[in-house]
Amino acid sequence: MTLAHAVVLQSPIYDSDRLGALVERCLSDGVGLIAISGRDAHKLEAEVDWIIIGDGSNPDRFICTSAHFDDDDQAGIEDALCIASSFGAAAGVIDRAFLLGRTWLKYRLPKA
């Protein structure tokens, strides 16, 4: 199953080695947005941006990214889900990803 057009990635991640694989999968599946929520979301967003950009020689490598954090984790995730729903509006689904250990978990959120 391909990823939805919008992915919400929960920060912090527990295996940074898996981040590159997730970003490459997002690129190959045509994901338009990676919305990152949680602690240090802005740092994780910068890592994702650098993985996407690479050496800058391929202009086709593009995904919009956003960082959402708040003192209250729930407010950050709600912000991320809100912007993701606007990107995933056509399909009506959003994938939420958690990088844990040697694998990553994906939850498909149903149409709102």
PDB file of N, CA and C in Angstrom:
ATOM      1  N   MET A   1       0.836  -1.164   0.000  1.00  0.00           N
ATOM      2  CA  MET A   1       0.000   0.000   0.000  1.00  0.00           C
ATOM      3  C   MET A   1       0.893   1.244   0.000  1.00  0.00           C
ATOM      4  N   THR A   2       0.596   2.173  -0.868  1.00  0.00           N
ATOM      5  CA  THR A   2       1.375   3.406  -0.910  1.00  0.00           C
ATOM      6  C   THR A   2       0.961   4.314   0.238  1.00  0.00           C
ATOM      7  N   LEU A   3       1.844   5.237   0.544  1.00  0.00           N
ATOM      8  CA  LEU A   3       1.554   6.195   1.604  1.00  0.00           C
ATOM      9  C   LEU A   3       0.518   7.211   1.129  1.00  0.00           C
ATOM     10  N   ALA A   4      -0.186   7.802   2.072  1.00  0.00           N
ATOM     11  CA  ALA A   4      -1.147   8.858   1.757  1.00  0.00           C
ATOM     12  C   ALA A   4      -0.392  10.090   1.275  1.00  0.00           C
ATOM     13  N   HIS A   5      -1.112  11.062   0.738  1.00  0.00           N
ATOM     14  CA  HIS A   5      -0.487  12.283   0.225  1.00  0.00           C
ATOM     15  C   HIS A   5       0.084  13.139   1.351  1.00  0.00           C
ATOM     16  N   ALA A   6      -0.423  12.959   2.575  1.00  0.00           N
ATOM     17  CA  ALA A   6       0.063  13.695   3.741  1.00  0.00           C
ATOM     18  C   ALA A   6       0.452  12.703   4.828  1.00  0.00           C
ATOM     19  N   VAL A   7       1.649  12.907   5.401  1.00  0.00           N
ATOM     20  CA  VAL A   7       2.156  12.040   6.458  1.00  0.00           C
ATOM     21  C   VAL A   7       2.471  12.907   7.666  1.00  0.00           C
ATOM     22  N   VAL A   8       2.016  12.478   8.836  1.00  0.00           N
ATOM     23  CA  VAL A   8       2.375  13.126  10.089  1.00  0.00           C
ATOM     24  C   VAL A   8       3.402  12.242  10.771  1.00  0.00           C
ATOM     25  N   LEU A   9       4.588  12.788  11.005  1.00  0.00           N
ATOM     26  CA  LEU A   9       5.687  12.052  11.636  1.00  0.00           C
ATOM     27  C   LEU A   9       5.836  12.531  13.064  1.00  0.00           C
ATOM     28  N   GLN A  10       5.802  11.596  14.002  1.00  0.00           N
ATOM     29  CA  GLN A  10       5.894  11.938  15.419  1.00  0.00           C
ATOM     30  C   GLN A  10       7.353  12.036  15.844  1.00  0.00           C
ATOM     31  N   SER A  11       7.723  13.153  16.459  1.00  0.00           N
ATOM     32  CA  SER A  11       9.057  13.370  17.007  1.00  0.00           C
ATOM     33  C   SER A  11       8.982  13.216  18.518  1.00  0.00           C
ATOM     34  N   PRO A  12       9.974  12.673  19.171  1.00  0.00           N
ATOM     35  CA  PRO A  12      11.269  12.280  18.621  1.00  0.00           C
ATOM     36  C   PRO A  12      11.192  10.904  17.969  1.00  0.00           C
ATOM     37  N   ILE A  13      12.159  10.633  17.117  1.00  0.00           N
ATOM     38  CA  ILE A  13      12.257   9.318  16.511  1.00  0.00           C
ATOM     39  C   ILE A  13      13.279   8.510  17.303  1.00  0.00           C
ATOM     40  N   TYR A  14      13.132   7.218  17.299  1.00  0.00           N
ATOM     41  CA  TYR A  14      13.992   6.373  18.109  1.00  0.00           C
ATOM     42  C   TYR A  14      15.051   5.651  17.294  1.00  0.00           C
ATOM     43  N   ASP A  15      15.000   5.761  15.980  1.00  0.00           N
ATOM     44  CA  ASP A  15      16.023   5.156  15.133  1.00  0.00           C
ATOM     45  C   ASP A  15      16.243   6.066  13.936  1.00  0.00           C
ATOM     46  N   SER A  16      17.241   6.937  14.033  1.00  0.00           N
ATOM     47  CA  SER A  16      17.477   7.913  12.964  1.00  0.00           C
ATOM     48  C   SER A  16      17.926   7.247  11.668  1.00  0.00           C
ATOM     49  N   ASP A  17      18.431   6.017  11.738  1.00  0.00           N
ATOM     50  CA  ASP A  17      18.814   5.309  10.519  1.00  0.00           C
ATOM     51  C   ASP A  17      17.605   5.021   9.632  1.00  0.00           C
ATOM     52  N   ARG A  18      16.444   4.895  10.226  1.00  0.00           N
ATOM     53  CA  ARG A  18      15.226   4.589   9.466  1.00  0.00           C
ATOM     54  C   ARG A  18      14.617   5.827   8.815  1.00  0.00           C
ATOM     55  N   LEU A  19      15.060   7.017   9.232  1.00  0.00           N
ATOM     56  CA  LEU A  19      14.489   8.246   8.695  1.00  0.00           C
ATOM     57  C   LEU A  19      14.723   8.372   7.193  1.00  0.00           C
ATOM     58  N   GLY A  20      15.932   8.071   6.743  1.00  0.00           N
ATOM     59  CA  GLY A  20      16.242   8.147   5.313  1.00  0.00           C
ATOM     60  C   GLY A  20      15.354   7.232   4.489  1.00  0.00           C
ATOM     61  N   ALA A  21      15.130   6.019   4.984  1.00  0.00           N
ATOM     62  CA  ALA A  21      14.280   5.066   4.266  1.00  0.00           C
ATOM     63  C   ALA A  21      12.842   5.569   4.190  1.00  0.00           C
ATOM     64  N   LEU A  22      12.352   6.170   5.282  1.00  0.00           N
ATOM     65  CA  LEU A  22      10.990   6.701   5.266  1.00  0.00           C
ATOM     66  C   LEU A  22      10.875   7.851   4.276  1.00  0.00           C
ATOM     67  N   VAL A  23      11.850   8.756   4.275  1.00  0.00           N
ATOM     68  CA  VAL A  23      11.802   9.898   3.355  1.00  0.00           C
ATOM     69  C   VAL A  23      11.859   9.420   1.905  1.00  0.00           C
ATOM     70  N   GLU A  24      12.717   8.453   1.606  1.00  0.00           N
ATOM     71  CA  GLU A  24      12.794   7.912   0.239  1.00  0.00           C
ATOM     72  C   GLU A  24      11.475   7.275  -0.159  1.00  0.00           C
ATOM     73  N   ARG A  25      10.831   6.586   0.770  1.00  0.00           N
ATOM     74  CA  ARG A  25       9.522   5.985   0.484  1.00  0.00           C
ATOM     75  C   ARG A  25       8.495   7.075   0.208  1.00  0.00           C
ATOM     76  N   CYS A  26       8.547   8.164   0.983  1.00  0.00           N
ATOM     77  CA  CYS A  26       7.638   9.288   0.754  1.00  0.00           C
ATOM     78  C   CYS A  26       7.846   9.872  -0.637  1.00  0.00           C
ATOM     79  N   LEU A  27       9.096  10.023  -1.038  1.00  0.00           N
ATOM     80  CA  LEU A  27       9.401  10.553  -2.373  1.00  0.00           C
ATOM     81  C   LEU A  27       8.874   9.628  -3.466  1.00  0.00           C
ATOM     82  N   SER A  28       9.083   8.335  -3.314  1.00  0.00           N
ATOM     83  CA  SER A  28       8.652   7.396  -4.359  1.00  0.00           C
ATOM     84  C   SER A  28       7.132   7.240  -4.406  1.00  0.00           C
ATOM     85  N   ASP A  29       6.457   7.441  -3.267  1.00  0.00           N
ATOM     86  CA  ASP A  29       4.995   7.307  -3.226  1.00  0.00           C
ATOM     87  C   ASP A  29       4.268   8.607  -3.553  1.00  0.00           C
ATOM     88  N   GLY A  30       5.003   9.691  -3.801  1.00  0.00           N
ATOM     89  CA  GLY A  30       4.374  10.951  -4.169  1.00  0.00           C
ATOM     90  C   GLY A  30       3.750  11.711  -3.012  1.00  0.00           C
ATOM     91  N   VAL A  31       4.289  11.541  -1.814  1.00  0.00           N
ATOM     92  CA  VAL A  31       3.785  12.275  -0.657  1.00  0.00           C
ATOM     93  C   VAL A  31       4.024  13.770  -0.881  1.00  0.00           C
ATOM     94  N   GLY A  32       3.044  14.601  -0.576  1.00  0.00           N
ATOM     95  CA  GLY A  32       3.161  16.042  -0.778  1.00  0.00           C
ATOM     96  C   GLY A  32       3.555  16.802   0.479  1.00  0.00           C
ATOM     97  N   LEU A  33       3.301  16.204   1.668  1.00  0.00           N
ATOM     98  CA  LEU A  33       3.577  16.886   2.926  1.00  0.00           C
ATOM     99  C   LEU A  33       4.043  15.891   3.972  1.00  0.00           C
ATOM    100  N   ILE A  34       5.103  16.262   4.670  1.00  0.00           N
ATOM    101  CA  ILE A  34       5.494  15.574   5.901  1.00  0.00           C
ATOM    102  C   ILE A  34       5.357  16.612   7.008  1.00  0.00           C
ATOM    103  N   ALA A  35       4.332  16.460   7.836  1.00  0.00           N
ATOM    104  CA  ALA A  35       4.102  17.351   8.976  1.00  0.00           C
ATOM    105  C   ALA A  35       4.664  16.669  10.211  1.00  0.00           C
ATOM    106  N   ILE A  36       5.596  17.323  10.875  1.00  0.00           N
ATOM    107  CA  ILE A  36       6.298  16.721  12.008  1.00  0.00           C
ATOM    108  C   ILE A  36       5.796  17.369  13.291  1.00  0.00           C
ATOM    109  N   SER A  37       5.411  16.525  14.247  1.00  0.00           N
ATOM    110  CA  SER A  37       4.904  17.052  15.508  1.00  0.00           C
ATOM    111  C   SER A  37       5.689  16.462  16.663  1.00  0.00           C
ATOM    112  N   GLY A  38       5.720  17.198  17.762  1.00  0.00           N
ATOM    113  CA  GLY A  38       6.357  16.693  18.967  1.00  0.00           C
ATOM    114  C   GLY A  38       7.615  17.453  19.333  1.00  0.00           C
ATOM    115  N   ARG A  39       8.305  16.925  20.351  1.00  0.00           N
ATOM    116  CA  ARG A  39       9.516  17.542  20.871  1.00  0.00           C
ATOM    117  C   ARG A  39      10.589  17.621  19.796  1.00  0.00           C
ATOM    118  N   ASP A  40      11.239  18.771  19.682  1.00  0.00           N
ATOM    119  CA  ASP A  40      12.308  19.018  18.704  1.00  0.00           C
ATOM    120  C   ASP A  40      11.854  18.796  17.264  1.00  0.00           C
ATOM    121  N   ALA A  41      10.587  19.083  16.988  1.00  0.00           N
ATOM    122  CA  ALA A  41      10.058  18.890  15.634  1.00  0.00           C
ATOM    123  C   ALA A  41      10.828  19.712  14.610  1.00  0.00           C
ATOM    124  N   HIS A  42      11.260  20.911  14.994  1.00  0.00           N
ATOM    125  CA  HIS A  42      11.991  21.767  14.051  1.00  0.00           C
ATOM    126  C   HIS A  42      13.348  21.169  13.686  1.00  0.00           C
ATOM    127  N   LYS A  43      13.982  20.473  14.621  1.00  0.00           N
ATOM    128  CA  LYS A  43      15.267  19.815  14.317  1.00  0.00           C
ATOM    129  C   LYS A  43      15.058  18.635  13.377  1.00  0.00           C
ATOM    130  N   LEU A  44      14.018  17.852  13.635  1.00  0.00           N
ATOM    131  CA  LEU A  44      13.718  16.723  12.766  1.00  0.00           C
ATOM    132  C   LEU A  44      13.305  17.199  11.383  1.00  0.00           C
ATOM    133  N   GLU A  45      12.576  18.321  11.315  1.00  0.00           N
ATOM    134  CA  GLU A  45      12.203  18.880  10.019  1.00  0.00           C
ATOM    135  C   GLU A  45      13.446  19.245   9.208  1.00  0.00           C
ATOM    136  N   ALA A  46      14.445  19.819   9.861  1.00  0.00           N
ATOM    137  CA  ALA A  46      15.689  20.177   9.165  1.00  0.00           C
ATOM    138  C   ALA A  46      16.392  18.925   8.632  1.00  0.00           C
ATOM    139  N   GLU A  47      16.401  17.849   9.417  1.00  0.00           N
ATOM    140  CA  GLU A  47      17.003  16.591   8.948  1.00  0.00           C
ATOM    141  C   GLU A  47      16.273  16.061   7.717  1.00  0.00           C
ATOM    142  N   VAL A  48      14.941  16.081   7.780  1.00  0.00           N
ATOM    143  CA  VAL A  48      14.137  15.604   6.655  1.00  0.00           C
ATOM    144  C   VAL A  48      14.408  16.458   5.417  1.00  0.00           C
ATOM    145  N   ASP A  49      14.459  17.777   5.602  1.00  0.00           N
ATOM    146  CA  ASP A  49      14.731  18.673   4.474  1.00  0.00           C
ATOM    147  C   ASP A  49      16.068  18.348   3.812  1.00  0.00           C
ATOM    148  N   TRP A  50      17.103  18.109   4.604  1.00  0.00           N
ATOM    149  CA  TRP A  50      18.421  17.799   4.039  1.00  0.00           C
ATOM    150  C   TRP A  50      18.424  16.456   3.307  1.00  0.00           C
ATOM    151  N   ILE A  51      17.660  15.490   3.817  1.00  0.00           N
ATOM    152  CA  ILE A  51      17.563  14.205   3.118  1.00  0.00           C
ATOM    153  C   ILE A  51      16.875  14.406   1.770  1.00  0.00           C
ATOM    154  N   ILE A  52      15.820  15.215   1.747  1.00  0.00           N
ATOM    155  CA  ILE A  52      15.089  15.462   0.504  1.00  0.00           C
ATOM    156  C   ILE A  52      15.973  16.205  -0.494  1.00  0.00           C
ATOM    157  N   ILE A  53      16.613  17.277  -0.048  1.00  0.00           N
ATOM    158  CA  ILE A  53      17.405  18.112  -0.942  1.00  0.00           C
ATOM    159  C   ILE A  53      18.654  17.395  -1.432  1.00  0.00           C
ATOM    160  N   GLY A  54      19.305  16.637  -0.560  1.00  0.00           N
ATOM    161  CA  GLY A  54      20.540  15.947  -0.940  1.00  0.00           C
ATOM    162  C   GLY A  54      21.593  16.941  -1.387  1.00  0.00           C
ATOM    163  N   ASP A  55      22.210  16.679  -2.511  1.00  0.00           N
ATOM    164  CA  ASP A  55      23.232  17.594  -3.022  1.00  0.00           C
ATOM    165  C   ASP A  55      22.617  18.700  -3.887  1.00  0.00           C
ATOM    166  N   GLY A  56      21.306  18.701  -4.018  1.00  0.00           N
ATOM    167  CA  GLY A  56      20.612  19.748  -4.755  1.00  0.00           C
ATOM    168  C   GLY A  56      20.610  19.575  -6.259  1.00  0.00           C
ATOM    169  N   SER A  57      21.104  18.455  -6.743  1.00  0.00           N
ATOM    170  CA  SER A  57      21.218  18.266  -8.188  1.00  0.00           C
ATOM    171  C   SER A  57      19.936  17.754  -8.839  1.00  0.00           C
ATOM    172  N   ASN A  58      18.960  17.327  -8.044  1.00  0.00           N
ATOM    173  CA  ASN A  58      17.728  16.781  -8.607  1.00  0.00           C
ATOM    174  C   ASN A  58      16.531  17.624  -8.161  1.00  0.00           C
ATOM    175  N   PRO A  59      16.032  18.503  -9.029  1.00  0.00           N
ATOM    176  CA  PRO A  59      14.916  19.376  -8.649  1.00  0.00           C
ATOM    177  C   PRO A  59      13.590  18.634  -8.479  1.00  0.00           C
ATOM    178  N   ASP A  60      13.516  17.371  -8.877  1.00  0.00           N
ATOM    179  CA  ASP A  60      12.290  16.599  -8.723  1.00  0.00           C
ATOM    180  C   ASP A  60      12.096  16.097  -7.290  1.00  0.00           C
ATOM    181  N   ARG A  61      13.135  16.204  -6.476  1.00  0.00           N
ATOM    182  CA  ARG A  61      13.039  15.766  -5.079  1.00  0.00           C
ATOM    183  C   ARG A  61      12.448  16.923  -4.269  1.00  0.00           C
ATOM    184  N   PHE A  62      11.132  16.882  -4.087  1.00  0.00           N
ATOM    185  CA  PHE A  62      10.460  17.951  -3.348  1.00  0.00           C
ATOM    186  C   PHE A  62       9.308  17.379  -2.540  1.00  0.00           C
ATOM    187  N   ILE A  63       9.275  17.736  -1.280  1.00  0.00           N
ATOM    188  CA  ILE A  63       8.140  17.471  -0.396  1.00  0.00           C
ATOM    189  C   ILE A  63       8.040  18.679   0.526  1.00  0.00           C
ATOM    190  N   CYS A  64       6.857  19.181   0.715  1.00  0.00           N
ATOM    191  CA  CYS A  64       6.635  20.261   1.667  1.00  0.00           C
ATOM    192  C   CYS A  64       6.759  19.677   3.080  1.00  0.00           C
ATOM    193  N   THR A  65       7.436  20.402   3.969  1.00  0.00           N
ATOM    194  CA  THR A  65       7.559  19.951   5.357  1.00  0.00           C
ATOM    195  C   THR A  65       7.065  21.047   6.293  1.00  0.00           C
ATOM    196  N   SER A  66       6.637  20.643   7.471  1.00  0.00           N
ATOM    197  CA  SER A  66       6.226  21.609   8.493  1.00  0.00           C
ATOM    198  C   SER A  66       6.536  21.031   9.864  1.00  0.00           C
ATOM    199  N   ALA A  67       6.785  21.911  10.828  1.00  0.00           N
ATOM    200  CA  ALA A  67       7.075  21.496  12.204  1.00  0.00           C
ATOM    201  C   ALA A  67       6.006  22.072  13.124  1.00  0.00           C
ATOM    202  N   HIS A  68       5.507  21.244  14.025  1.00  0.00           N
ATOM    203  CA  HIS A  68       4.433  21.642  14.942  1.00  0.00           C
ATOM    204  C   HIS A  68       4.781  21.175  16.340  1.00  0.00           C
ATOM    205  N   PHE A  69       5.014  22.122  17.217  1.00  0.00           N
ATOM    206  CA  PHE A  69       5.356  21.771  18.590  1.00  0.00           C
ATOM    207  C   PHE A  69       4.709  22.775  19.521  1.00  0.00           C
ATOM    208  N   ASP A  70       4.447  22.346  20.722  1.00  0.00           N
ATOM    209  CA  ASP A  70       3.797  23.178  21.711  1.00  0.00           C
ATOM    210  C   ASP A  70       4.181  22.614  23.075  1.00  0.00           C
ATOM    211  N   ASP A  71       3.939  23.383  24.117  1.00  0.00           N
ATOM    212  CA  ASP A  71       4.170  22.861  25.464  1.00  0.00           C
ATOM    213  C   ASP A  71       3.293  21.643  25.714  1.00  0.00           C
ATOM    214  N   ASP A  72       2.151  21.639  25.086  1.00  0.00           N
ATOM    215  CA  ASP A  72       1.216  20.523  25.175  1.00  0.00           C
ATOM    216  C   ASP A  72       1.350  19.701  23.896  1.00  0.00           C
ATOM    217  N   ASP A  73       1.806  18.464  24.004  1.00  0.00           N
ATOM    218  CA  ASP A  73       2.002  17.623  22.816  1.00  0.00           C
ATOM    219  C   ASP A  73       0.728  17.476  21.999  1.00  0.00           C
ATOM    220  N   GLN A  74      -0.416  17.468  22.663  1.00  0.00           N
ATOM    221  CA  GLN A  74      -1.677  17.291  21.943  1.00  0.00           C
ATOM    222  C   GLN A  74      -1.946  18.471  21.011  1.00  0.00           C
ATOM    223  N   ALA A  75      -1.590  19.674  21.435  1.00  0.00           N
ATOM    224  CA  ALA A  75      -1.793  20.844  20.576  1.00  0.00           C
ATOM    225  C   ALA A  75      -0.903  20.758  19.340  1.00  0.00           C
ATOM    226  N   GLY A  76       0.319  20.283  19.502  1.00  0.00           N
ATOM    227  CA  GLY A  76       1.224  20.128  18.364  1.00  0.00           C
ATOM    228  C   GLY A  76       0.715  19.122  17.360  1.00  0.00           C
ATOM    229  N   ILE A  77       0.230  17.983  17.836  1.00  0.00           N
ATOM    230  CA  ILE A  77      -0.274  16.959  16.921  1.00  0.00           C
ATOM    231  C   ILE A  77      -1.554  17.441  16.241  1.00  0.00           C
ATOM    232  N   GLU A  78      -2.387  18.189  16.959  1.00  0.00           N
ATOM    233  CA  GLU A  78      -3.603  18.718  16.344  1.00  0.00           C
ATOM    234  C   GLU A  78      -3.266  19.700  15.221  1.00  0.00           C
ATOM    235  N   ASP A  79      -2.250  20.537  15.433  1.00  0.00           N
ATOM    236  CA  ASP A  79      -1.813  21.452  14.375  1.00  0.00           C
ATOM    237  C   ASP A  79      -1.318  20.682  13.159  1.00  0.00           C
ATOM    238  N   ALA A  80      -0.504  19.653  13.400  1.00  0.00           N
ATOM    239  CA  ALA A  80       0.027  18.845  12.297  1.00  0.00           C
ATOM    240  C   ALA A  80      -1.092  18.148  11.542  1.00  0.00           C
ATOM    241  N   LEU A  81      -2.045  17.594  12.259  1.00  0.00           N
ATOM    242  CA  LEU A  81      -3.171  16.916  11.607  1.00  0.00           C
ATOM    243  C   LEU A  81      -4.030  17.898  10.824  1.00  0.00           C
ATOM    244  N   CYS A  82      -4.157  19.110  11.319  1.00  0.00           N
ATOM    245  CA  CYS A  82      -4.957  20.127  10.624  1.00  0.00           C
ATOM    246  C   CYS A  82      -4.332  20.471   9.273  1.00  0.00           C
ATOM    247  N   ILE A  83      -3.032  20.761   9.260  1.00  0.00           N
ATOM    248  CA  ILE A  83      -2.396  21.098   7.979  1.00  0.00           C
ATOM    249  C   ILE A  83      -2.339  19.877   7.070  1.00  0.00           C
ATOM    250  N   ALA A  84      -2.128  18.693   7.636  1.00  0.00           N
ATOM    251  CA  ALA A  84      -2.094  17.479   6.829  1.00  0.00           C
ATOM    252  C   ALA A  84      -3.446  17.208   6.183  1.00  0.00           C
ATOM    253  N   SER A  85      -4.526  17.522   6.881  1.00  0.00           N
ATOM    254  CA  SER A  85      -5.851  17.278   6.304  1.00  0.00           C
ATOM    255  C   SER A  85      -6.094  18.164   5.092  1.00  0.00           C
ATOM    256  N   SER A  86      -5.501  19.352   5.066  1.00  0.00           N
ATOM    257  CA  SER A  86      -5.668  20.197   3.888  1.00  0.00           C
ATOM    258  C   SER A  86      -4.884  19.650   2.702  1.00  0.00           C
ATOM    259  N   PHE A  87      -3.741  19.018   2.950  1.00  0.00           N
ATOM    260  CA  PHE A  87      -2.967  18.403   1.878  1.00  0.00           C
ATOM    261  C   PHE A  87      -3.589  17.096   1.427  1.00  0.00           C
ATOM    262  N   GLY A  88      -4.195  16.365   2.334  1.00  0.00           N
ATOM    263  CA  GLY A  88      -4.779  15.076   2.001  1.00  0.00           C
ATOM    264  C   GLY A  88      -6.256  15.156   1.702  1.00  0.00           C
ATOM    265  N   ALA A  89      -6.757  16.358   1.465  1.00  0.00           N
ATOM    266  CA  ALA A  89      -8.198  16.560   1.314  1.00  0.00           C
ATOM    267  C   ALA A  89      -8.793  15.755   0.166  1.00  0.00           C
ATOM    268  N   ALA A  90      -8.074  15.645  -0.950  1.00  0.00           N
ATOM    269  CA  ALA A  90      -8.616  14.925  -2.110  1.00  0.00           C
ATOM    270  C   ALA A  90      -8.828  13.451  -1.785  1.00  0.00           C
ATOM    271  N   ALA A  91      -7.843  12.837  -1.171  1.00  0.00           N
ATOM    272  CA  ALA A  91      -7.949  11.422  -0.847  1.00  0.00           C
ATOM    273  C   ALA A  91      -8.679  11.208   0.471  1.00  0.00           C
ATOM    274  N   GLY A  92      -8.623  12.210   1.347  1.00  0.00           N
ATOM    275  CA  GLY A  92      -9.325  12.108   2.613  1.00  0.00           C
ATOM    276  C   GLY A  92      -8.624  11.283   3.671  1.00  0.00           C
ATOM    277  N   VAL A  93      -7.386  10.868   3.430  1.00  0.00           N
ATOM    278  CA  VAL A  93      -6.674  10.068   4.421  1.00  0.00           C
ATOM    279  C   VAL A  93      -5.324  10.704   4.735  1.00  0.00           C
ATOM    280  N   ILE A  94      -4.857  10.428   5.934  1.00  0.00           N
ATOM    281  CA  ILE A  94      -3.551  10.887   6.398  1.00  0.00           C
ATOM    282  C   ILE A  94      -2.871   9.682   7.023  1.00  0.00           C
ATOM    283  N   ASP A  95      -1.577   9.519   6.763  1.00  0.00           N
ATOM    284  CA  ASP A  95      -0.818   8.478   7.443  1.00  0.00           C
ATOM    285  C   ASP A  95      -0.044   9.115   8.570  1.00  0.00           C
ATOM    286  N   ARG A  96      -0.022   8.461   9.707  1.00  0.00           N
ATOM    287  CA  ARG A  96       0.745   8.922  10.859  1.00  0.00           C
ATOM    288  C   ARG A  96       1.847   7.895  11.099  1.00  0.00           C
ATOM    289  N   ALA A  97       3.105   8.339  11.104  1.00  0.00           N
ATOM    290  CA  ALA A  97       4.232   7.423  11.192  1.00  0.00           C
ATOM    291  C   ALA A  97       5.011   7.622  12.481  1.00  0.00           C
ATOM    292  N   PHE A  98       5.464   6.515  13.035  1.00  0.00           N
ATOM    293  CA  PHE A  98       6.312   6.500  14.219  1.00  0.00           C
ATOM    294  C   PHE A  98       7.534   5.653  13.886  1.00  0.00           C
ATOM    295  N   LEU A  99       8.742   6.199  14.024  1.00  0.00           N
ATOM    296  CA  LEU A  99       9.961   5.431  13.785  1.00  0.00           C
ATOM    297  C   LEU A  99      10.398   4.826  15.111  1.00  0.00           C
ATOM    298  N   LEU A 100      10.297   3.524  15.213  1.00  0.00           N
ATOM    299  CA  LEU A 100      10.598   2.816  16.450  1.00  0.00           C
ATOM    300  C   LEU A 100      11.568   1.680  16.162  1.00  0.00           C
ATOM    301  N   GLY A 101      12.697   1.676  16.829  1.00  0.00           N
ATOM    302  CA  GLY A 101      13.636   0.579  16.679  1.00  0.00           C
ATOM    303  C   GLY A 101      14.027   0.331  15.242  1.00  0.00           C
ATOM    304  N   ARG A 102      13.945  -0.919  14.800  1.00  0.00           N
ATOM    305  CA  ARG A 102      14.361  -1.272  13.443  1.00  0.00           C
ATOM    306  C   ARG A 102      13.230  -1.182  12.433  1.00  0.00           C
ATOM    307  N   THR A 103      12.102  -0.699  12.854  1.00  0.00           N
ATOM    308  CA  THR A 103      10.955  -0.634  11.957  1.00  0.00           C
ATOM    309  C   THR A 103      10.231   0.689  12.139  1.00  0.00           C
ATOM    310  N   TRP A 104       9.211   0.918  11.356  1.00  0.00           N
ATOM    311  CA  TRP A 104       8.362   2.085  11.578  1.00  0.00           C
ATOM    312  C   TRP A 104       6.922   1.651  11.470  1.00  0.00           C
ATOM    313  N   LEU A 105       6.112   2.281  12.290  1.00  0.00           N
ATOM    314  CA  LEU A 105       4.688   1.973  12.324  1.00  0.00           C
ATOM    315  C   LEU A 105       3.925   3.048  11.583  1.00  0.00           C
ATOM    316  N   LYS A 106       2.885   2.646  10.900  1.00  0.00           N
ATOM    317  CA  LYS A 106       2.063   3.589  10.151  1.00  0.00           C
ATOM    318  C   LYS A 106       0.613   3.345  10.513  1.00  0.00           C
ATOM    319  N   TYR A 107      -0.067   4.405  10.836  1.00  0.00           N
ATOM    320  CA  TYR A 107      -1.493   4.341  11.109  1.00  0.00           C
ATOM    321  C   TYR A 107      -2.202   5.213  10.094  1.00  0.00           C
ATOM    322  N   ARG A 108      -3.158   4.656   9.406  1.00  0.00           N
ATOM    323  CA  ARG A 108      -3.953   5.443   8.454  1.00  0.00           C
ATOM    324  C   ARG A 108      -5.145   6.018   9.195  1.00  0.00           C
ATOM    325  N   LEU A 109      -5.228   7.340   9.153  1.00  0.00           N
ATOM    326  CA  LEU A 109      -6.348   8.010   9.793  1.00  0.00           C
ATOM    327  C   LEU A 109      -7.470   8.133   8.787  1.00  0.00           C
ATOM    328  N   PRO A 110      -8.686   7.774   9.153  1.00  0.00           N
ATOM    329  CA  PRO A 110      -9.798   7.782   8.200  1.00  0.00           C
ATOM    330  C   PRO A 110     -10.226   9.191   7.844  1.00  0.00           C
ATOM    331  N   LYS A 111     -11.100   9.255   6.855  1.00  0.00           N
ATOM    332  CA  LYS A 111     -11.643  10.543   6.421  1.00  0.00           C
ATOM    333  C   LYS A 111     -12.306  11.241   7.591  1.00  0.00           C
ATOM    334  N   ALA A 112     -12.099  12.547   7.643  1.00  0.00           N
ATOM    335  CA  ALA A 112     -12.667  13.318   8.767  1.00  0.00           C
ATOM    336  C   ALA A 112     -14.141  13.547   8.594  1.00  0.00           C
TER     337      ALA A 112
END
